[in-house]
Amino acid sequence: MKNFNFNLLYTALLIFSFLLFSCNKDDDTGNRNNIGVNKIAMDVSGSQTGHMSGNAFIEIHNSQGYNTFEIEGGNASEATFKINFYTYNGSSKPVPWPEKGTYPLDSGADIINGKGYKVDFEYIPEWRDYSKNVTGSLTITDNSNNQLKGTFEFSADENGDNGSITVTNGTFHAEIKEE
């Protein structure tokens, strides 16, 4: 009887150990882009620092003479940051839906018709706007089902002051915002 109980205990411990060490989470694989729908996250260093995450969505504004396509993100509940990527055209034609690929981020030059994106980053507690001398890239990895998924990184200087930030490990998954 003692052998039976020892064997049963040994078998249960073996099965439990197997289950414990065979589980795998998305965090373990390094797949940062699985953050959930309508979410954005990034690491910020420089004048502002820390990991920032929040909600994200897409807005399309097609009006006479100025059409924009925007990927917006922020954490309104804590009101610490707002980030906005946008492109535009100066005509009455709608801005095309972005293709998969890597696009330059900058302060406003050459962003016509989806060839690049302008980025504005605001640090709300101190009302700091980092949208000057922007350099970086936005990569769209999925553009299906009225959703966009991708990654981004950039550096930017502060408008009206001497601060600067570097944003790394940026990831987003956004869908069109229903009006």
Foldseek 3Di string as FASTA:
>chain_A
DVVVVVVVVVVVVVVVVCVVPVDDDPVNVVPLQVPDEQKKWWAKDWPDGDIFMFGWAWEWDQDAQKTKIKIKTDHVVVQFKIKIKMAIARHNDGQDQDDFFKAWEALDPPRYRNNHIFMWMAGGVVRWIFRHGKTWMWGWPDRPDQKTWTAIWIKTATPPDGIIMTIPPIIHIYGHDDD
